[in-house]
N, C-alpha and C. Protein backbone atom coordinates (compact mmCIF):
# COMPACT_ATOMS: atom_id res chain seq x y z
N UNK A 1 -17.78 4.22 18.60
CA UNK A 1 -16.55 3.29 18.65
C UNK A 1 -15.56 4.18 19.17
N UNK A 2 -15.20 2.87 19.59
CA UNK A 2 -13.41 4.19 20.56
C UNK A 2 -12.35 3.95 20.20
N UNK A 3 -11.43 4.35 20.50
CA UNK A 3 -9.81 4.12 19.42
C UNK A 3 -9.45 2.84 19.52
N UNK A 4 -9.89 2.19 20.58
CA UNK A 4 -9.19 0.64 19.87
C UNK A 4 -9.89 -0.09 18.95
N UNK A 5 -11.30 0.49 18.90
CA UNK A 5 -12.01 -0.19 17.89
C UNK A 5 -11.37 0.39 16.28
N UNK A 6 -10.73 1.49 16.14
CA UNK A 6 -10.49 1.98 15.07
C UNK A 6 -8.97 1.43 14.87
N UNK A 7 -8.16 1.25 15.75
CA UNK A 7 -7.12 0.42 15.83
C UNK A 7 -7.00 -1.16 15.39
N UNK A 8 -8.37 -1.38 15.48
CA UNK A 8 -8.48 -2.80 15.34
C UNK A 8 -8.99 -2.98 14.04
N UNK A 9 -10.19 -1.95 13.34
CA UNK A 9 -10.68 -1.53 12.18
C UNK A 9 -9.60 -2.00 11.07
N UNK A 10 -8.69 -0.65 11.50
CA UNK A 10 -7.42 -0.62 10.68
C UNK A 10 -6.14 -1.69 10.07
N UNK A 11 -6.32 -2.15 11.30
CA UNK A 11 -5.49 -3.94 11.22
C UNK A 11 -6.54 -4.85 10.58
N UNK A 12 -7.52 -4.86 10.48
CA UNK A 12 -8.45 -5.69 9.71
C UNK A 12 -8.27 -5.07 8.27
N UNK A 13 -8.36 -3.68 8.02
CA UNK A 13 -8.36 -3.40 6.79
C UNK A 13 -6.85 -3.39 5.81
N UNK A 14 -5.68 -3.26 6.51
CA UNK A 14 -4.69 -3.82 6.01
C UNK A 14 -4.78 -5.10 5.47
N UNK A 15 -5.38 -5.72 6.50
CA UNK A 15 -4.82 -7.16 6.02
C UNK A 15 -5.94 -8.07 4.84
N UNK A 16 -6.85 -7.34 5.03
CA UNK A 16 -8.02 -7.99 3.63
C UNK A 16 -8.20 -6.80 2.54
N UNK A 17 -7.19 -5.83 2.92
CA UNK A 17 -6.69 -4.78 1.57
C UNK A 17 -5.68 -5.12 0.56
N UNK A 18 -6.06 -6.25 0.02
CA UNK A 18 -5.21 -7.12 -0.73
C UNK A 18 -4.62 -6.37 -1.95
N UNK A 19 -5.17 -5.47 -2.44
CA UNK A 19 -4.52 -4.36 -3.10
C UNK A 19 -3.19 -4.23 -2.55
N UNK A 20 -3.61 -2.90 -1.45
CA UNK A 20 -2.46 -2.17 -0.45
C UNK A 20 -1.24 -3.10 -0.02
N UNK A 21 -2.01 -4.65 0.48
CA UNK A 21 -0.66 -5.44 0.25
C UNK A 21 -0.19 -5.99 -0.52
N UNK A 22 -0.39 -5.91 -1.71
CA UNK A 22 0.18 -6.36 -3.24
C UNK A 22 1.32 -4.88 -3.55
N UNK A 23 0.68 -4.18 -3.36
CA UNK A 23 1.42 -2.75 -3.95
C UNK A 23 2.84 -2.72 -3.28
N UNK A 24 2.76 -3.44 -1.61
CA UNK A 24 3.55 -2.65 -0.78
C UNK A 24 4.77 -4.24 -1.39
N UNK A 25 4.14 -5.39 -1.24
CA UNK A 25 4.73 -6.71 -1.88
C UNK A 25 5.39 -5.94 -3.17
N UNK A 26 5.05 -5.52 -3.81
CA UNK A 26 5.43 -5.43 -5.00
C UNK A 26 6.80 -4.67 -5.30
N UNK A 27 6.60 -3.57 -4.21
CA UNK A 27 7.72 -2.51 -3.26
C UNK A 27 8.67 -3.20 -3.01
N UNK A 28 8.60 -4.04 -2.47
CA UNK A 28 9.42 -4.83 -1.38
C UNK A 28 10.28 -6.33 -1.73
N UNK A 29 9.73 -6.59 -2.73
CA UNK A 29 10.11 -8.07 -3.32
C UNK A 29 11.69 -7.59 -4.09
N UNK A 30 12.02 -6.26 -4.41
CA UNK A 30 13.13 -6.71 -4.92
C UNK A 30 14.26 -5.85 -3.66
N UNK A 31 13.76 -5.21 -2.92
CA UNK A 31 14.79 -4.87 -1.34
C UNK A 31 15.53 -5.64 -1.25
N UNK A 32 17.03 -5.35 -1.12
CA UNK A 32 18.12 -6.07 -0.91
C UNK A 32 18.61 -5.70 0.61
N UNK A 33 18.17 -4.73 1.02
CA UNK A 33 18.63 -4.09 2.71
C UNK A 33 17.51 -3.96 3.02
N UNK A 34 17.62 -3.72 4.77
CA UNK A 34 16.67 -3.02 5.98
C UNK A 34 16.49 -2.26 5.41
N UNK A 35 18.02 -0.97 5.51
CA UNK A 35 17.40 0.79 4.92
C UNK A 35 16.79 0.82 3.82
N UNK A 36 16.59 0.07 3.18
CA UNK A 36 15.69 0.44 1.72
C UNK A 36 14.24 -0.09 2.52
N UNK A 37 14.11 -0.93 2.97
CA UNK A 37 12.98 -1.41 3.65
C UNK A 37 12.23 -0.50 4.42
N UNK A 38 13.09 -0.05 5.26
CA UNK A 38 13.09 0.95 6.41
C UNK A 38 12.44 2.36 5.25
N UNK A 39 13.38 3.11 4.42
CA UNK A 39 12.75 3.84 3.48
C UNK A 39 11.79 3.85 2.72
N UNK A 40 11.46 2.68 2.30
CA UNK A 40 10.00 2.56 1.41
C UNK A 40 8.77 2.63 2.26
N UNK A 41 9.29 2.00 3.42
CA UNK A 41 7.76 1.73 4.23
C UNK A 41 7.36 2.71 4.75
N UNK A 42 8.51 3.66 5.26
CA UNK A 42 8.47 4.96 5.79
C UNK A 42 7.84 6.01 4.92
N UNK A 43 8.41 5.82 3.28
CA UNK A 43 7.76 6.97 2.86
C UNK A 43 6.07 6.69 2.04
N UNK A 44 6.17 5.34 2.24
CA UNK A 44 4.37 4.80 1.71
C UNK A 44 3.22 5.29 3.19
N UNK A 45 4.09 4.97 4.09
CA UNK A 45 3.32 5.42 5.44
C UNK A 45 3.14 7.11 5.55
N UNK A 46 4.33 7.88 5.30
CA UNK A 46 3.65 9.26 5.51
C UNK A 46 2.90 9.68 4.69
N UNK A 47 2.71 9.57 3.48
CA UNK A 47 2.13 9.33 2.21
C UNK A 47 0.60 9.29 2.64
N UNK A 48 0.70 7.93 2.72
CA UNK A 48 -0.89 8.06 3.40
C UNK A 48 -1.31 8.31 4.33
N UNK A 49 -0.71 8.96 5.35
CA UNK A 49 -1.53 9.28 6.38
C UNK A 49 -1.65 10.71 6.56
N UNK A 50 -0.54 11.20 5.14
CA UNK A 50 -0.93 12.41 4.95
C UNK A 50 -2.77 12.64 4.40
N UNK A 51 -2.79 11.81 3.48
CA UNK A 51 -3.54 12.03 2.56
C UNK A 51 -4.73 11.74 3.22
N UNK A 52 -4.55 10.29 4.62
CA UNK A 52 -5.98 9.91 5.29
C UNK A 52 -6.63 11.17 6.19
N UNK A 53 -4.95 12.34 6.41
CA UNK A 53 -6.01 12.94 7.49
C UNK A 53 -6.82 14.16 6.64
N UNK A 54 -6.07 14.40 5.32
CA UNK A 54 -6.26 15.46 4.90
C UNK A 54 -7.70 14.98 4.22
N UNK A 55 -7.92 14.12 3.94
CA UNK A 55 -9.57 13.78 3.64
C UNK A 55 -10.72 13.76 4.33
N UNK A 56 -9.70 13.02 5.75
CA UNK A 56 -11.01 12.86 6.75
C UNK A 56 -11.16 14.40 7.72
N UNK A 57 -10.29 15.16 7.12
CA UNK A 57 -10.55 16.69 7.89
C UNK A 57 -11.23 17.55 6.76
N UNK A 58 -11.74 16.65 5.78
CA UNK A 58 -12.62 17.62 4.52
C UNK A 58 -11.80 18.35 3.85
N UNK A 59 -10.43 18.68 3.89
CA UNK A 59 -9.71 18.99 2.96
C UNK A 59 -9.45 19.27 1.33
N UNK A 60 -9.73 17.75 1.14
CA UNK A 60 -9.60 17.23 0.13
C UNK A 60 -9.85 16.06 0.18
N UNK A 61 -10.69 15.82 -1.77
CA UNK A 61 -11.65 14.35 -1.81
C UNK A 61 -11.38 14.35 -3.31
N UNK A 62 -11.38 13.12 -3.62
CA UNK A 62 -11.11 12.17 -5.05
C UNK A 62 -12.28 11.78 -4.35
N UNK A 63 -13.31 11.25 -5.72
CA UNK A 63 -14.09 9.77 -5.85
C UNK A 63 -13.38 8.44 -6.28
N UNK A 64 -14.30 7.67 -5.63
CA UNK A 64 -13.10 5.99 -5.14
C UNK A 64 -13.43 5.78 -6.59
N UNK A 65 -14.12 6.16 -7.75
CA UNK A 65 -13.94 5.36 -9.37
C UNK A 65 -12.95 6.26 -9.98
N UNK A 66 -12.33 7.14 -9.12
CA UNK A 66 -11.07 7.47 -9.72
C UNK A 66 -9.82 6.87 -9.08
N UNK A 67 -10.31 6.54 -7.43
CA UNK A 67 -8.74 6.35 -6.96
C UNK A 67 -8.59 4.51 -6.94
N UNK A 68 -9.86 4.11 -6.93
CA UNK A 68 -9.45 2.87 -7.52
C UNK A 68 -8.72 2.56 -8.19
N UNK A 69 -8.93 2.49 -9.45
CA UNK A 69 -8.32 2.19 -10.64
C UNK A 69 -6.64 2.83 -10.41
N UNK A 70 -6.47 4.07 -9.82
CA UNK A 70 -5.06 4.09 -9.69
C UNK A 70 -4.44 3.56 -8.62
N UNK A 71 -5.05 3.50 -7.65
CA UNK A 71 -4.31 2.09 -7.14
C UNK A 71 -4.00 0.57 -7.89
N UNK A 72 -4.75 0.31 -8.62
CA UNK A 72 -4.64 -0.45 -9.30
C UNK A 72 -3.37 -0.45 -10.27
N UNK A 73 -3.43 0.73 -10.99
CA UNK A 73 -2.29 1.19 -11.72
C UNK A 73 -0.94 1.40 -11.47
N UNK A 74 -1.35 1.56 -9.93
CA UNK A 74 0.15 1.94 -9.10
C UNK A 74 0.58 0.48 -8.94
N UNK A 75 -0.10 -0.66 -8.95
CA UNK A 75 0.32 -2.05 -8.65
C UNK A 75 0.87 -2.13 -9.85
N UNK A 76 0.37 -2.38 -10.98
CA UNK A 76 0.93 -2.74 -12.40
C UNK A 76 1.98 -1.75 -12.55
N UNK A 77 2.44 -0.69 -12.28
CA UNK A 77 3.41 0.31 -12.38
C UNK A 77 4.79 -0.78 -11.96
N UNK A 78 4.75 -0.93 -10.42
CA UNK A 78 5.58 -1.57 -9.81
C UNK A 78 6.00 -2.78 -9.89
N UNK A 79 5.18 -3.17 -10.18
CA UNK A 79 5.42 -4.81 -10.94
C UNK A 79 6.16 -4.68 -12.55
N UNK A 80 5.49 -3.71 -13.18
CA UNK A 80 6.12 -3.58 -14.06
C UNK A 80 7.88 -3.07 -14.09
N UNK A 81 7.78 -1.97 -13.28
CA UNK A 81 9.35 -1.32 -12.90
C UNK A 81 10.21 -2.30 -12.41
N UNK A 82 9.96 -3.76 -11.93
CA UNK A 82 10.67 -4.50 -11.42
C UNK A 82 11.20 -5.31 -12.33
N UNK A 83 10.45 -5.50 -13.49
CA UNK A 83 10.72 -6.43 -14.80
C UNK A 83 11.70 -5.82 -15.55
N UNK A 84 11.60 -4.16 -15.69
CA UNK A 84 12.05 -3.56 -16.43
C UNK A 84 13.46 -3.54 -15.99
N UNK A 85 13.42 -3.85 -14.79
CA UNK A 85 14.92 -3.04 -13.74
C UNK A 85 15.35 -4.70 -13.60
N UNK A 86 14.90 -5.88 -13.72
CA UNK A 86 15.48 -6.93 -13.87
C UNK A 86 15.60 -7.54 -12.79
N UNK A 87 14.61 -7.09 -11.67
CA UNK A 87 14.98 -7.43 -10.27
C UNK A 87 15.72 -6.71 -9.41
N UNK A 88 16.39 -5.60 -10.22
CA UNK A 88 17.47 -4.92 -9.27
C UNK A 88 16.56 -3.68 -8.67
N UNK A 89 17.08 -3.75 -7.28
CA UNK A 89 16.64 -2.50 -6.63
C UNK A 89 16.29 -1.14 -7.06
N UNK A 90 15.33 -0.46 -7.87
CA UNK A 90 15.31 1.15 -8.33
C UNK A 90 15.54 1.65 -7.63
N UNK A 91 16.52 2.88 -8.31
CA UNK A 91 16.90 4.05 -7.34
C UNK A 91 15.08 4.70 -7.18
N UNK A 92 15.37 5.75 -6.29
CA UNK A 92 14.22 6.31 -6.30
C UNK A 92 12.66 5.24 -5.76
N UNK A 93 12.92 4.62 -5.37
CA UNK A 93 12.03 3.49 -4.58
C UNK A 93 10.80 4.24 -4.00
N UNK A 94 11.86 4.79 -2.89
CA UNK A 94 11.08 5.73 -2.01
C UNK A 94 9.94 6.58 -2.88
N UNK A 95 10.36 7.42 -3.49
CA UNK A 95 9.62 8.39 -4.32
C UNK A 95 8.36 7.71 -4.60
N UNK A 96 8.55 6.69 -5.46
CA UNK A 96 7.28 5.88 -5.93
C UNK A 96 6.54 5.80 -4.96
N UNK A 97 7.36 5.07 -3.68
CA UNK A 97 6.26 4.39 -2.32
C UNK A 97 5.44 5.73 -1.83
N UNK A 98 6.15 7.10 -1.74
CA UNK A 98 5.72 8.29 -1.72
C UNK A 98 4.24 8.83 -2.28
N UNK A 99 4.80 8.45 -3.84
CA UNK A 99 3.87 8.90 -4.80
C UNK A 99 2.37 8.55 -4.57
N UNK A 100 2.91 7.09 -5.05
CA UNK A 100 1.83 6.38 -4.88
C UNK A 100 1.03 6.05 -3.72
N UNK A 101 1.90 6.32 -2.33
CA UNK A 101 1.22 6.26 -0.96
C UNK A 101 -0.05 7.12 -1.02
N UNK A 102 0.12 8.55 -1.34
CA UNK A 102 -1.20 9.48 -1.53
C UNK A 102 -1.99 9.19 -2.22
N UNK A 103 -1.90 8.69 -3.56
CA UNK A 103 -3.41 7.76 -3.65
C UNK A 103 -4.14 6.37 -2.40
N UNK A 104 -3.28 5.74 -2.21
CA UNK A 104 -3.73 5.25 -1.49
C UNK A 104 -3.87 5.25 0.12
N UNK A 105 -3.82 6.52 0.17
CA UNK A 105 -4.14 7.28 1.37
C UNK A 105 -5.83 7.32 1.10
N UNK A 106 -5.96 8.02 -0.13
CA UNK A 106 -7.69 7.92 -0.53
C UNK A 106 -8.09 6.87 -0.12
N UNK A 107 -7.80 5.75 -0.71
CA UNK A 107 -8.52 4.44 -0.29
C UNK A 107 -8.77 4.13 1.18
N UNK A 108 -7.62 4.49 1.98
CA UNK A 108 -8.11 4.39 3.14
C UNK A 108 -9.04 5.08 4.06
N UNK A 109 -9.00 6.46 3.21
CA UNK A 109 -9.64 7.51 4.05
C UNK A 109 -11.30 6.99 3.53
N UNK A 110 -11.54 6.25 2.74
CA UNK A 110 -12.60 5.65 2.13
C UNK A 110 -13.87 5.15 3.49
N UNK A 111 -12.58 4.28 4.09
CA UNK A 111 -13.35 3.63 4.92
C UNK A 111 -13.77 4.05 6.87
N UNK A 112 -13.05 5.53 6.86
CA UNK A 112 -13.08 6.01 7.40
C UNK A 112 -14.18 7.02 7.09
N UNK A 113 -14.82 7.28 5.73
CA UNK A 113 -15.73 8.12 5.46
C UNK A 113 -17.43 7.86 5.57
N UNK A 114 -17.01 6.35 4.95
CA UNK A 114 -17.99 5.65 4.62
C UNK A 114 -18.77 5.48 6.43
N UNK A 115 -17.96 5.50 7.82
CA UNK A 115 -18.26 5.53 9.13
C UNK A 115 -18.94 6.81 9.57
N UNK A 116 -18.79 8.16 9.06
CA UNK A 116 -19.17 9.50 8.97
C UNK A 116 -18.05 9.93 9.87
N UNK A 117 -16.75 9.56 9.68
CA UNK A 117 -15.85 10.18 10.63
C UNK A 117 -15.46 11.58 9.90
N UNK A 118 -15.73 12.93 10.90
CA UNK A 118 -15.68 14.06 9.93
C UNK A 118 -17.13 14.65 10.16
N UNK A 119 -18.20 13.37 9.81
CA UNK A 119 -19.30 14.67 9.14
C UNK A 119 -19.62 15.44 10.18
N UNK A 120 -20.64 16.03 9.87
CA UNK A 120 -21.51 16.83 10.95
C UNK A 120 -20.73 17.13 12.36
N UNK A 121 -19.26 17.51 12.05
CA UNK A 121 -18.93 18.01 12.98
C UNK A 121 -18.42 17.20 14.02
N UNK A 122 -18.22 15.82 13.91
CA UNK A 122 -17.67 14.50 14.68
C UNK A 122 -16.61 14.74 14.99
N UNK A 123 -15.92 14.15 16.33
CA UNK A 123 -14.26 14.27 16.45
C UNK A 123 -13.69 13.38 15.13
N UNK A 124 -12.41 13.76 14.81
CA UNK A 124 -11.51 13.09 13.96
C UNK A 124 -10.27 12.22 14.33
N UNK A 125 -9.66 12.79 15.63
CA UNK A 125 -8.55 13.05 16.10
C UNK A 125 -8.11 11.52 16.53
N UNK A 126 -9.30 11.08 17.23
CA UNK A 126 -9.26 9.79 17.96
C UNK A 126 -9.32 8.58 16.84
N UNK A 127 -10.39 8.32 15.75
CA UNK A 127 -10.88 7.75 14.71
C UNK A 127 -9.51 7.76 13.85
N UNK A 128 -9.01 9.03 13.80
CA UNK A 128 -8.09 9.24 12.58
C UNK A 128 -6.66 8.52 13.21
N UNK A 129 -5.87 8.67 14.35
CA UNK A 129 -4.95 7.99 14.74
C UNK A 129 -5.03 6.61 15.30
N UNK A 130 -6.50 6.13 15.73
CA UNK A 130 -6.86 4.59 15.97
C UNK A 130 -6.15 4.17 14.91
N UNK A 131 -7.18 4.35 13.96
CA UNK A 131 -6.98 3.65 12.53
C UNK A 131 -5.93 3.72 12.04
N UNK A 132 -5.29 4.89 11.73
CA UNK A 132 -3.83 4.54 11.27
C UNK A 132 -2.96 3.96 11.60
N UNK A 133 -3.04 4.19 13.32
CA UNK A 133 -1.77 2.83 13.72
C UNK A 133 -2.39 1.61 13.51
N UNK A 134 -3.35 1.55 13.16
CA UNK A 134 -4.24 -0.02 12.95
C UNK A 134 -3.38 -0.53 11.35
N UNK A 135 -3.33 0.19 10.72
CA UNK A 135 -2.66 0.16 9.09
C UNK A 135 -1.52 -0.19 9.63
N UNK A 136 -0.50 0.99 10.31
CA UNK A 136 0.50 0.79 10.41
C UNK A 136 0.83 -0.59 10.94
N UNK A 137 0.82 -0.84 12.03
CA UNK A 137 0.76 -1.90 12.89
C UNK A 137 0.48 -3.09 12.22
N UNK A 138 -0.49 -3.51 11.04
CA UNK A 138 -1.16 -4.66 10.54
C UNK A 138 0.26 -4.50 9.17
N UNK A 139 0.74 -3.82 8.81
CA UNK A 139 1.40 -3.48 7.70
C UNK A 139 3.08 -3.92 8.19
N UNK A 140 3.39 -3.36 8.98
CA UNK A 140 4.39 -4.34 10.21
C UNK A 140 4.52 -5.54 10.18
N UNK A 141 3.46 -5.92 10.84
CA UNK A 141 3.20 -7.21 10.97
C UNK A 141 3.25 -8.19 9.69
N UNK A 142 2.61 -7.63 8.75
CA UNK A 142 2.75 -8.35 7.13
C UNK A 142 4.63 -8.60 6.90
N UNK A 143 4.95 -7.29 6.91
CA UNK A 143 6.39 -6.81 6.54
C UNK A 143 7.20 -7.83 7.16
N UNK A 144 6.73 -8.25 8.55
CA UNK A 144 7.93 -9.00 9.78
C UNK A 144 7.83 -10.56 9.04
N UNK A 145 6.32 -10.69 8.63
CA UNK A 145 6.49 -12.11 8.37
C UNK A 145 6.90 -12.38 6.78
N UNK A 146 7.05 -11.35 5.44
CA UNK A 146 7.04 -11.63 3.91
C UNK A 146 8.78 -11.51 4.52
N UNK A 147 9.01 -10.40 4.68
CA UNK A 147 10.69 -10.00 4.24
C UNK A 147 11.66 -10.90 5.08
N UNK A 148 11.65 -11.31 5.91
CA UNK A 148 12.73 -12.65 6.02
C UNK A 148 12.80 -13.91 5.58
N UNK A 149 10.90 -13.83 5.11
CA UNK A 149 11.13 -15.25 3.87
C UNK A 149 11.96 -14.75 2.55
N UNK A 150 11.55 -13.52 2.24
CA UNK A 150 11.75 -13.09 0.74
C UNK A 150 13.45 -13.09 0.89
N UNK A 151 14.03 -12.76 1.90
CA UNK A 151 15.80 -12.72 2.15
C UNK A 151 16.07 -14.00 2.01
N UNK A 152 15.68 -14.62 2.51
CA UNK A 152 16.44 -16.10 2.72
C UNK A 152 15.99 -16.68 1.30
N UNK A 153 15.12 -16.23 0.44
CA UNK A 153 15.20 -16.55 -0.98
C UNK A 153 16.21 -16.02 -1.88
N UNK A 154 15.97 -15.25 -1.38
CA UNK A 154 17.29 -14.03 -1.85
C UNK A 154 18.92 -14.60 -2.15
N UNK A 155 18.75 -15.21 -1.20
CA UNK A 155 20.33 -16.22 -1.26
C UNK A 155 20.58 -17.15 -2.27
N UNK A 156 19.42 -17.37 -2.72
CA UNK A 156 19.27 -18.80 -4.03
C UNK A 156 19.24 -17.71 -5.23
N UNK A 157 20.36 -17.87 -5.83
CA UNK A 157 20.59 -17.61 -7.37
C UNK A 157 19.27 -17.61 -8.26
N UNK A 158 19.27 -18.66 -7.83
CA UNK A 158 17.73 -19.03 -8.84
C UNK A 158 16.76 -17.77 -8.69
N UNK A 159 16.32 -17.50 -7.18
CA UNK A 159 14.54 -16.87 -7.47
C UNK A 159 15.36 -15.45 -7.46
N UNK A 160 16.72 -14.94 -7.21
CA UNK A 160 17.28 -13.95 -7.99
C UNK A 160 16.72 -13.76 -9.62
N UNK A 161 17.13 -14.53 -10.19
CA UNK A 161 17.08 -14.83 -11.69
C UNK A 161 15.70 -15.31 -12.34
N UNK A 162 14.68 -15.92 -11.85
CA UNK A 162 13.64 -16.27 -11.82
C UNK A 162 12.50 -16.07 -11.12
N UNK A 163 12.92 -16.41 -9.28
CA UNK A 163 11.44 -15.95 -8.48
C UNK A 163 11.31 -14.45 -8.66
N UNK A 164 11.73 -13.34 -8.61
CA UNK A 164 11.78 -12.21 -8.38
C UNK A 164 11.08 -11.73 -9.96
N UNK A 165 11.53 -11.92 -11.08
CA UNK A 165 10.74 -11.77 -12.10
C UNK A 165 8.96 -12.35 -12.28
N UNK A 166 9.02 -13.69 -11.26
CA UNK A 166 7.88 -14.34 -12.05
C UNK A 166 6.86 -13.51 -10.87
N UNK A 167 7.43 -13.48 -9.76
CA UNK A 167 6.63 -12.50 -8.76
C UNK A 167 6.38 -11.26 -9.18
N UNK A 168 7.52 -10.37 -9.59
CA UNK A 168 6.85 -8.84 -10.49
C UNK A 168 5.66 -9.56 -11.39
N UNK A 169 5.80 -10.03 -11.87
CA UNK A 169 5.08 -10.46 -13.28
C UNK A 169 3.71 -10.72 -12.77
N UNK A 170 3.48 -11.81 -11.58
CA UNK A 170 2.38 -11.92 -11.21
C UNK A 170 1.65 -10.56 -10.62
N UNK A 171 2.29 -9.76 -9.84
CA UNK A 171 2.30 -8.49 -9.57
C UNK A 171 1.11 -7.85 -10.57
N UNK A 172 2.03 -7.73 -11.44
CA UNK A 172 1.90 -6.53 -12.53
C UNK A 172 0.77 -7.30 -13.39
N UNK A 173 0.22 -8.45 -13.15
CA UNK A 173 -0.67 -9.31 -14.31
C UNK A 173 -2.35 -8.93 -13.39
N UNK A 174 -1.80 -9.43 -11.89
CA UNK A 174 -2.97 -8.04 -11.23
C UNK A 174 -3.40 -7.15 -11.29
N UNK A 175 -2.22 -6.41 -11.16
CA UNK A 175 -2.24 -4.90 -11.24
C UNK A 175 -3.51 -4.77 -12.50
N UNK A 176 -3.15 -5.23 -13.66
CA UNK A 176 -3.53 -5.04 -14.83
C UNK A 176 -5.09 -5.41 -14.46
N UNK A 177 -5.41 -6.39 -14.45
CA UNK A 177 -6.45 -7.11 -14.35
C UNK A 177 -7.19 -6.23 -13.30
N UNK A 178 -7.04 -5.57 -12.27
CA UNK A 178 -7.63 -4.90 -11.49
C UNK A 178 -8.19 -3.35 -11.76
N UNK A 179 -7.27 -3.05 -12.46
CA UNK A 179 -7.06 -1.86 -13.39
C UNK A 179 -8.25 -1.76 -14.47
N UNK A 180 -8.29 -2.84 -15.12
CA UNK A 180 -9.24 -3.52 -16.18
C UNK A 180 -10.84 -3.35 -15.68
N UNK A 181 -10.68 -4.22 -14.35
CA UNK A 181 -11.85 -4.57 -13.71
C UNK A 181 -12.38 -3.20 -13.05
N UNK A 182 -11.62 -2.11 -12.56
CA UNK A 182 -12.40 -1.13 -12.19
C UNK A 182 -12.40 0.18 -13.19
N UNK A 183 -12.05 -0.23 -14.39
CA UNK A 183 -12.20 0.55 -15.46
C UNK A 183 -13.34 0.21 -16.14
N UNK A 184 -13.26 -0.06 -17.50
CA UNK A 184 -13.24 -0.75 -18.21
C UNK A 184 -14.59 -2.02 -18.48
N UNK A 185 -14.12 -3.02 -17.52
CA UNK A 185 -14.73 -4.26 -16.82
C UNK A 185 -15.86 -3.83 -16.19
N UNK A 186 -15.80 -2.79 -15.26
CA UNK A 186 -16.91 -2.81 -13.88
C UNK A 186 -17.35 -1.96 -14.42
């Protein structure tokens, strides 16, 4: 596979990685400024990029049966935090994005590991760079579509009062379902 193939794989992975998208949506639904969005997305990006690189290089490993429930728990956490904060933008959201971004990076790395990247001394730089760039481009595309809509809705007092809590409750409920599915139900 070439750089372009890995870039496309990264875009496809994020666009079909509903758990990663839901986590990101849960983080962003309460954002009130462009600055906070940049901080959150940057923290998430740096964290999952670090983990993705470390796993691909073979420096660290967590089994999928541990990573997948932790990803679901991150979604549940963000949804519940939004509800507890009553839709206000929580302080330290960048730290939350970074911490859970480390976990999400393990999920991204499973894709490259399943393709054999880094195994038997195969090169990792091109696949790692291409895939990670694809994930970022896909993530930015989703945010570029979702954020203007969310900010338009936030101008409506009813959305802030009812919409954000309802959406946060949905995020939490799906996170809980996935957590149960990936642990006791699976």
